[in-house]
Amino acid sequence: VHGCGADAILFTCSAFGPAIEATQAALPIPVLKPNEAMLDQALAAGPRIGLIATFGPSIPALAAELEQMAQQRGAKLAVSTRAVPDALTALHAGNGAEHDRLIAAAAEDIGDCDAIVLGQFSMASAAGVIPQRG
């Protein structure tokens, strides 16, 4: 990859954390994770993080990234997770409103947290229907 003249690589799926880290170690160019800034902001909000994903297999990798980042900072962390595969099914069926409703319901169900992380970029439309917490 580096031989083709790339100046950097941006992975666009957060489910590949370990593969991204292996690529970072193997290449002399910047290799960026798509979710680093999001996870950084979540940790800055406080130790109680809610992690919601419509693709359940991405949850362990995201949770591990959060834990690793918290450990590097010497920060405490409590992660609550919810998988919402029915929301992904609704999205694939063209029902964006149901997708967003299911994600908002999961956010409500996840309990008290300082930040909620939406695990896939495809979940961005739901951010507007998740009630703000005070």
N, C-alpha and C. Protein backbone atom coordinates (compact mmCIF):
# COMPACT_ATOMS: atom_id res chain seq x y z
N VAL A 1 0.83 -1.20 0.00
CA VAL A 1 0.00 0.00 0.00
C VAL A 1 0.87 1.25 0.00
N HIS A 2 1.87 1.26 0.84
CA HIS A 2 2.71 2.45 0.92
C HIS A 2 3.45 2.68 -0.40
N GLY A 3 3.80 1.61 -1.10
CA GLY A 3 4.50 1.73 -2.36
C GLY A 3 3.69 2.39 -3.45
N CYS A 4 2.38 2.52 -3.27
CA CYS A 4 1.55 3.14 -4.30
C CYS A 4 1.54 4.66 -4.18
N GLY A 5 2.20 5.20 -3.17
CA GLY A 5 2.31 6.64 -3.05
C GLY A 5 1.31 7.28 -2.10
N ALA A 6 0.56 6.49 -1.34
CA ALA A 6 -0.41 7.05 -0.39
C ALA A 6 0.31 7.84 0.69
N ASP A 7 -0.25 8.99 1.05
CA ASP A 7 0.31 9.80 2.13
C ASP A 7 -0.24 9.38 3.49
N ALA A 8 -1.41 8.75 3.49
CA ALA A 8 -2.06 8.30 4.73
C ALA A 8 -3.17 7.33 4.36
N ILE A 9 -3.67 6.63 5.37
CA ILE A 9 -4.79 5.72 5.19
C ILE A 9 -5.83 6.03 6.25
N LEU A 10 -7.07 6.16 5.84
CA LEU A 10 -8.19 6.33 6.77
C LEU A 10 -9.09 5.12 6.63
N PHE A 11 -9.17 4.34 7.70
CA PHE A 11 -10.13 3.24 7.72
C PHE A 11 -11.51 3.84 7.95
N THR A 12 -12.53 3.27 7.33
CA THR A 12 -13.87 3.85 7.43
C THR A 12 -14.86 2.93 8.12
N CYS A 13 -14.38 1.92 8.82
CA CYS A 13 -15.26 1.06 9.61
C CYS A 13 -14.62 0.83 10.95
N SER A 14 -15.34 1.12 12.00
CA SER A 14 -14.79 1.02 13.35
C SER A 14 -14.67 -0.40 13.85
N ALA A 15 -15.20 -1.38 13.14
CA ALA A 15 -15.16 -2.77 13.61
C ALA A 15 -13.78 -3.40 13.46
N PHE A 16 -12.85 -2.72 12.82
CA PHE A 16 -11.56 -3.33 12.52
C PHE A 16 -10.42 -2.77 13.37
N GLY A 17 -10.70 -2.41 14.61
CA GLY A 17 -9.69 -1.81 15.48
C GLY A 17 -8.37 -2.55 15.52
N PRO A 18 -8.35 -3.86 15.79
CA PRO A 18 -7.07 -4.58 15.83
C PRO A 18 -6.34 -4.58 14.49
N ALA A 19 -7.08 -4.68 13.39
CA ALA A 19 -6.44 -4.64 12.06
C ALA A 19 -5.85 -3.26 11.79
N ILE A 20 -6.53 -2.22 12.24
CA ILE A 20 -6.02 -0.86 12.05
C ILE A 20 -4.73 -0.69 12.84
N GLU A 21 -4.71 -1.19 14.07
CA GLU A 21 -3.51 -1.07 14.90
C GLU A 21 -2.34 -1.84 14.28
N ALA A 22 -2.62 -3.01 13.71
CA ALA A 22 -1.55 -3.76 13.04
C ALA A 22 -1.03 -2.99 11.84
N THR A 23 -1.91 -2.35 11.11
CA THR A 23 -1.51 -1.55 9.95
C THR A 23 -0.69 -0.35 10.40
N GLN A 24 -1.11 0.29 11.49
CA GLN A 24 -0.35 1.43 12.03
C GLN A 24 1.08 1.02 12.36
N ALA A 25 1.23 -0.17 12.95
CA ALA A 25 2.55 -0.64 13.35
C ALA A 25 3.41 -1.01 12.13
N ALA A 26 2.78 -1.42 11.05
CA ALA A 26 3.51 -1.92 9.88
C ALA A 26 3.90 -0.85 8.88
N LEU A 27 3.24 0.30 8.92
CA LEU A 27 3.48 1.31 7.88
C LEU A 27 4.08 2.59 8.46
N PRO A 28 4.91 3.26 7.68
CA PRO A 28 5.53 4.51 8.15
C PRO A 28 4.67 5.76 7.88
N ILE A 29 3.45 5.58 7.40
CA ILE A 29 2.57 6.73 7.12
C ILE A 29 1.43 6.73 8.15
N PRO A 30 0.75 7.86 8.33
CA PRO A 30 -0.37 7.89 9.27
C PRO A 30 -1.49 6.93 8.85
N VAL A 31 -1.97 6.15 9.80
CA VAL A 31 -3.10 5.26 9.61
C VAL A 31 -4.11 5.65 10.68
N LEU A 32 -5.26 6.13 10.23
CA LEU A 32 -6.22 6.73 11.14
C LEU A 32 -7.46 5.86 11.31
N LYS A 33 -7.95 5.83 12.54
CA LYS A 33 -9.21 5.15 12.85
C LYS A 33 -10.34 6.15 12.65
N PRO A 34 -11.48 5.70 12.17
CA PRO A 34 -12.56 6.64 11.89
C PRO A 34 -13.22 7.20 13.14
N ASN A 35 -13.01 6.57 14.27
CA ASN A 35 -13.76 6.93 15.46
C ASN A 35 -12.91 7.55 16.58
N GLU A 36 -11.64 7.81 16.33
CA GLU A 36 -10.77 8.30 17.40
C GLU A 36 -11.28 9.60 18.01
N ALA A 37 -11.66 10.55 17.19
CA ALA A 37 -12.13 11.84 17.72
C ALA A 37 -13.41 11.67 18.53
N MET A 38 -14.32 10.81 18.05
CA MET A 38 -15.57 10.56 18.76
C MET A 38 -15.30 9.96 20.14
N LEU A 39 -14.44 8.95 20.19
CA LEU A 39 -14.14 8.30 21.46
C LEU A 39 -13.42 9.25 22.40
N ASP A 40 -12.56 10.10 21.85
CA ASP A 40 -11.86 11.11 22.64
C ASP A 40 -12.87 12.06 23.30
N GLN A 41 -13.85 12.52 22.54
CA GLN A 41 -14.86 13.42 23.09
C GLN A 41 -15.73 12.72 24.13
N ALA A 42 -16.05 11.46 23.89
CA ALA A 42 -16.85 10.71 24.86
C ALA A 42 -16.11 10.59 26.18
N LEU A 43 -14.83 10.26 26.14
CA LEU A 43 -14.05 10.14 27.37
C LEU A 43 -13.90 11.48 28.08
N ALA A 44 -13.82 12.54 27.31
CA ALA A 44 -13.71 13.88 27.92
C ALA A 44 -14.99 14.26 28.66
N ALA A 45 -16.12 13.68 28.25
CA ALA A 45 -17.40 14.00 28.89
C ALA A 45 -17.53 13.37 30.27
N GLY A 46 -16.83 12.27 30.50
CA GLY A 46 -16.91 11.61 31.80
C GLY A 46 -16.71 10.11 31.67
N PRO A 47 -16.67 9.42 32.80
CA PRO A 47 -16.32 7.99 32.79
C PRO A 47 -17.45 7.05 32.40
N ARG A 48 -18.70 7.51 32.46
CA ARG A 48 -19.83 6.62 32.17
C ARG A 48 -20.22 6.79 30.70
N ILE A 49 -19.89 5.76 29.91
CA ILE A 49 -20.10 5.83 28.47
C ILE A 49 -21.14 4.79 28.07
N GLY A 50 -22.14 5.23 27.32
CA GLY A 50 -23.09 4.32 26.71
C GLY A 50 -22.65 4.06 25.28
N LEU A 51 -22.59 2.80 24.89
CA LEU A 51 -22.14 2.42 23.55
C LEU A 51 -23.26 1.64 22.88
N ILE A 52 -23.78 2.19 21.80
CA ILE A 52 -24.90 1.57 21.07
C ILE A 52 -24.43 1.28 19.65
N ALA A 53 -24.76 0.07 19.18
CA ALA A 53 -24.40 -0.29 17.81
C ALA A 53 -25.53 -1.09 17.18
N THR A 54 -25.72 -0.89 15.90
CA THR A 54 -26.71 -1.68 15.18
C THR A 54 -26.08 -2.96 14.65
N PHE A 55 -24.77 -3.00 14.57
CA PHE A 55 -24.03 -4.20 14.16
C PHE A 55 -23.29 -4.69 15.40
N GLY A 56 -23.89 -5.65 16.09
CA GLY A 56 -23.39 -6.13 17.37
C GLY A 56 -21.93 -6.51 17.41
N PRO A 57 -21.37 -7.15 16.37
CA PRO A 57 -19.96 -7.52 16.44
C PRO A 57 -18.99 -6.35 16.55
N SER A 58 -19.43 -5.14 16.30
CA SER A 58 -18.52 -4.00 16.44
C SER A 58 -18.39 -3.55 17.90
N ILE A 59 -19.29 -3.97 18.76
CA ILE A 59 -19.27 -3.52 20.15
C ILE A 59 -17.99 -3.91 20.89
N PRO A 60 -17.55 -5.17 20.84
CA PRO A 60 -16.32 -5.51 21.59
C PRO A 60 -15.11 -4.69 21.16
N ALA A 61 -14.94 -4.46 19.85
CA ALA A 61 -13.79 -3.68 19.39
C ALA A 61 -13.88 -2.23 19.86
N LEU A 62 -15.06 -1.64 19.79
CA LEU A 62 -15.22 -0.26 20.24
C LEU A 62 -15.01 -0.15 21.75
N ALA A 63 -15.57 -1.09 22.51
CA ALA A 63 -15.40 -1.08 23.96
C ALA A 63 -13.92 -1.23 24.32
N ALA A 64 -13.21 -2.10 23.61
CA ALA A 64 -11.78 -2.28 23.86
C ALA A 64 -11.00 -1.01 23.56
N GLU A 65 -11.37 -0.31 22.48
CA GLU A 65 -10.71 0.96 22.16
C GLU A 65 -10.94 1.98 23.26
N LEU A 66 -12.18 2.07 23.74
CA LEU A 66 -12.48 2.99 24.83
C LEU A 66 -11.66 2.65 26.06
N GLU A 67 -11.61 1.37 26.40
CA GLU A 67 -10.85 0.95 27.57
C GLU A 67 -9.37 1.25 27.42
N GLN A 68 -8.83 1.02 26.23
CA GLN A 68 -7.42 1.30 26.00
C GLN A 68 -7.13 2.80 26.11
N MET A 69 -8.00 3.62 25.53
CA MET A 69 -7.80 5.07 25.60
C MET A 69 -7.90 5.55 27.04
N ALA A 70 -8.86 5.02 27.80
CA ALA A 70 -9.02 5.41 29.21
C ALA A 70 -7.79 5.00 30.01
N GLN A 71 -7.30 3.81 29.76
CA GLN A 71 -6.12 3.33 30.48
C GLN A 71 -4.91 4.20 30.18
N GLN A 72 -4.73 4.60 28.92
CA GLN A 72 -3.61 5.45 28.55
C GLN A 72 -3.68 6.80 29.26
N ARG A 73 -4.87 7.23 29.59
CA ARG A 73 -5.06 8.52 30.27
C ARG A 73 -5.12 8.38 31.78
N GLY A 74 -5.13 7.16 32.27
CA GLY A 74 -5.30 6.93 33.69
C GLY A 74 -6.69 7.29 34.16
N ALA A 75 -7.66 7.19 33.26
CA ALA A 75 -9.04 7.57 33.57
C ALA A 75 -9.87 6.34 33.91
N LYS A 76 -10.84 6.54 34.77
CA LYS A 76 -11.79 5.48 35.07
C LYS A 76 -12.79 5.40 33.93
N LEU A 77 -13.40 4.21 33.79
CA LEU A 77 -14.34 4.01 32.70
C LEU A 77 -15.37 2.98 33.10
N ALA A 78 -16.62 3.27 32.80
CA ALA A 78 -17.72 2.31 32.96
C ALA A 78 -18.52 2.35 31.67
N VAL A 79 -18.49 1.25 30.92
CA VAL A 79 -19.16 1.20 29.62
C VAL A 79 -20.40 0.32 29.72
N SER A 80 -21.52 0.87 29.27
CA SER A 80 -22.76 0.11 29.13
C SER A 80 -23.02 -0.03 27.64
N THR A 81 -23.40 -1.22 27.21
CA THR A 81 -23.58 -1.43 25.77
C THR A 81 -24.98 -1.92 25.44
N ARG A 82 -25.39 -1.61 24.23
CA ARG A 82 -26.66 -2.11 23.68
C ARG A 82 -26.45 -2.37 22.20
N ALA A 83 -26.85 -3.56 21.77
CA ALA A 83 -26.89 -3.88 20.34
C ALA A 83 -28.34 -3.73 19.88
N VAL A 84 -28.52 -3.10 18.74
CA VAL A 84 -29.86 -2.86 18.21
C VAL A 84 -29.92 -3.36 16.76
N PRO A 85 -29.82 -4.68 16.57
CA PRO A 85 -29.81 -5.21 15.19
C PRO A 85 -31.11 -4.94 14.43
N ASP A 86 -32.23 -4.83 15.14
CA ASP A 86 -33.49 -4.53 14.46
C ASP A 86 -33.46 -3.16 13.79
N ALA A 87 -32.67 -2.25 14.34
CA ALA A 87 -32.54 -0.93 13.71
C ALA A 87 -31.82 -1.05 12.37
N LEU A 88 -30.81 -1.89 12.31
CA LEU A 88 -30.10 -2.10 11.05
C LEU A 88 -31.02 -2.76 10.03
N THR A 89 -31.83 -3.70 10.48
CA THR A 89 -32.80 -4.35 9.59
C THR A 89 -33.78 -3.32 9.04
N ALA A 90 -34.26 -2.42 9.92
CA ALA A 90 -35.19 -1.38 9.47
C ALA A 90 -34.53 -0.45 8.46
N LEU A 91 -33.28 -0.10 8.70
CA LEU A 91 -32.56 0.78 7.77
C LEU A 91 -32.40 0.11 6.41
N HIS A 92 -32.04 -1.16 6.41
CA HIS A 92 -31.89 -1.89 5.14
C HIS A 92 -33.22 -2.01 4.40
N ALA A 93 -34.32 -2.00 5.15
CA ALA A 93 -35.64 -2.07 4.53
C ALA A 93 -36.14 -0.70 4.09
N GLY A 94 -35.35 0.33 4.29
CA GLY A 94 -35.73 1.68 3.88
C GLY A 94 -36.55 2.43 4.89
N ASN A 95 -36.62 1.94 6.13
CA ASN A 95 -37.42 2.59 7.16
C ASN A 95 -36.50 3.34 8.13
N GLY A 96 -36.03 4.49 7.70
CA GLY A 96 -35.13 5.30 8.50
C GLY A 96 -35.74 5.78 9.80
N ALA A 97 -37.03 6.09 9.79
CA ALA A 97 -37.68 6.57 11.01
C ALA A 97 -37.71 5.48 12.08
N GLU A 98 -37.97 4.24 11.69
CA GLU A 98 -37.97 3.13 12.65
C GLU A 98 -36.55 2.87 13.15
N HIS A 99 -35.59 2.95 12.27
CA HIS A 99 -34.17 2.83 12.64
C HIS A 99 -33.84 3.82 13.75
N ASP A 100 -34.17 5.08 13.52
CA ASP A 100 -33.86 6.13 14.49
C ASP A 100 -34.63 5.93 15.79
N ARG A 101 -35.90 5.52 15.70
CA ARG A 101 -36.71 5.31 16.90
C ARG A 101 -36.11 4.20 17.77
N LEU A 102 -35.68 3.12 17.15
CA LEU A 102 -35.12 2.00 17.90
C LEU A 102 -33.81 2.39 18.59
N ILE A 103 -33.01 3.18 17.93
CA ILE A 103 -31.75 3.64 18.52
C ILE A 103 -32.04 4.59 19.68
N ALA A 104 -32.99 5.49 19.50
CA ALA A 104 -33.36 6.41 20.59
C ALA A 104 -33.89 5.64 21.79
N ALA A 105 -34.66 4.59 21.55
CA ALA A 105 -35.17 3.76 22.64
C ALA A 105 -34.02 3.07 23.37
N ALA A 106 -33.03 2.59 22.65
CA ALA A 106 -31.86 1.98 23.27
C ALA A 106 -31.09 2.99 24.10
N ALA A 107 -30.99 4.22 23.61
CA ALA A 107 -30.30 5.28 24.35
C ALA A 107 -31.04 5.59 25.64
N GLU A 108 -32.34 5.57 25.59
CA GLU A 108 -33.14 5.82 26.80
C GLU A 108 -32.96 4.68 27.79
N ASP A 109 -32.88 3.47 27.28
CA ASP A 109 -32.78 2.27 28.11
C ASP A 109 -31.40 2.08 28.72
N ILE A 110 -30.39 2.68 28.15
CA ILE A 110 -29.02 2.41 28.58
C ILE A 110 -28.70 2.97 29.96
N GLY A 111 -29.50 3.89 30.43
CA GLY A 111 -29.30 4.42 31.78
C GLY A 111 -28.44 5.67 31.81
N ASP A 112 -28.05 6.06 33.01
CA ASP A 112 -27.27 7.28 33.19
C ASP A 112 -25.87 7.11 32.61
N CYS A 113 -25.49 8.08 31.80
CA CYS A 113 -24.14 8.07 31.24
C CYS A 113 -23.75 9.50 30.91
N ASP A 114 -22.46 9.70 30.82
CA ASP A 114 -21.93 11.04 30.50
C ASP A 114 -21.91 11.30 28.99
N ALA A 115 -21.85 10.23 28.21
CA ALA A 115 -21.85 10.35 26.76
C ALA A 115 -22.41 9.07 26.17
N ILE A 116 -23.04 9.20 25.02
CA ILE A 116 -23.51 8.05 24.27
C ILE A 116 -22.75 8.01 22.95
N VAL A 117 -22.14 6.87 22.69
CA VAL A 117 -21.40 6.65 21.45
C VAL A 117 -22.28 5.83 20.52
N LEU A 118 -22.49 6.34 19.32
CA LEU A 118 -23.21 5.60 18.28
C LEU A 118 -22.15 4.90 17.44
N GLY A 119 -22.18 3.58 17.42
CA GLY A 119 -21.09 2.77 16.90
C GLY A 119 -20.92 2.70 15.40
N GLN A 120 -21.89 3.13 14.63
CA GLN A 120 -21.74 3.11 13.18
C GLN A 120 -22.10 4.49 12.62
N PHE A 121 -21.42 4.87 11.56
CA PHE A 121 -21.72 6.13 10.90
C PHE A 121 -23.17 6.15 10.40
N SER A 122 -23.68 4.98 10.04
CA SER A 122 -25.06 4.90 9.55
C SER A 122 -26.09 5.26 10.61
N MET A 123 -25.66 5.38 11.86
CA MET A 123 -26.57 5.73 12.96
C MET A 123 -26.69 7.24 13.16
N ALA A 124 -25.96 8.03 12.42
CA ALA A 124 -25.92 9.48 12.63
C ALA A 124 -27.28 10.12 12.59
N SER A 125 -28.18 9.61 11.76
CA SER A 125 -29.52 10.21 11.66
C SER A 125 -30.29 10.10 12.96
N ALA A 126 -29.94 9.15 13.80
CA ALA A 126 -30.65 8.97 15.07
C ALA A 126 -30.21 9.97 16.12
N ALA A 127 -29.07 10.60 15.95
CA ALA A 127 -28.55 11.52 16.96
C ALA A 127 -29.56 12.62 17.28
N GLY A 128 -30.29 13.09 16.28
CA GLY A 128 -31.24 14.17 16.48
C GLY A 128 -32.49 13.77 17.26
N VAL A 129 -32.75 12.49 17.38
CA VAL A 129 -33.96 12.06 18.11
C VAL A 129 -33.63 11.49 19.49
N ILE A 130 -32.37 11.44 19.84
CA ILE A 130 -31.98 11.00 21.18
C ILE A 130 -32.08 12.20 22.11
N PRO A 131 -32.92 12.13 23.13
CA PRO A 131 -33.08 13.28 24.03
C PRO A 131 -31.77 13.63 24.74
N GLN A 132 -31.52 14.92 24.86
CA GLN A 132 -30.36 15.40 25.62
C GLN A 132 -30.58 15.10 27.10
N ARG A 133 -29.52 14.80 27.77
CA ARG A 133 -29.59 14.55 29.21
C ARG A 133 -28.93 15.70 29.94
N GLY A 134 -29.49 16.06 31.06
CA GLY A 134 -28.95 17.20 31.82
C GLY A 134 -28.15 16.79 32.90
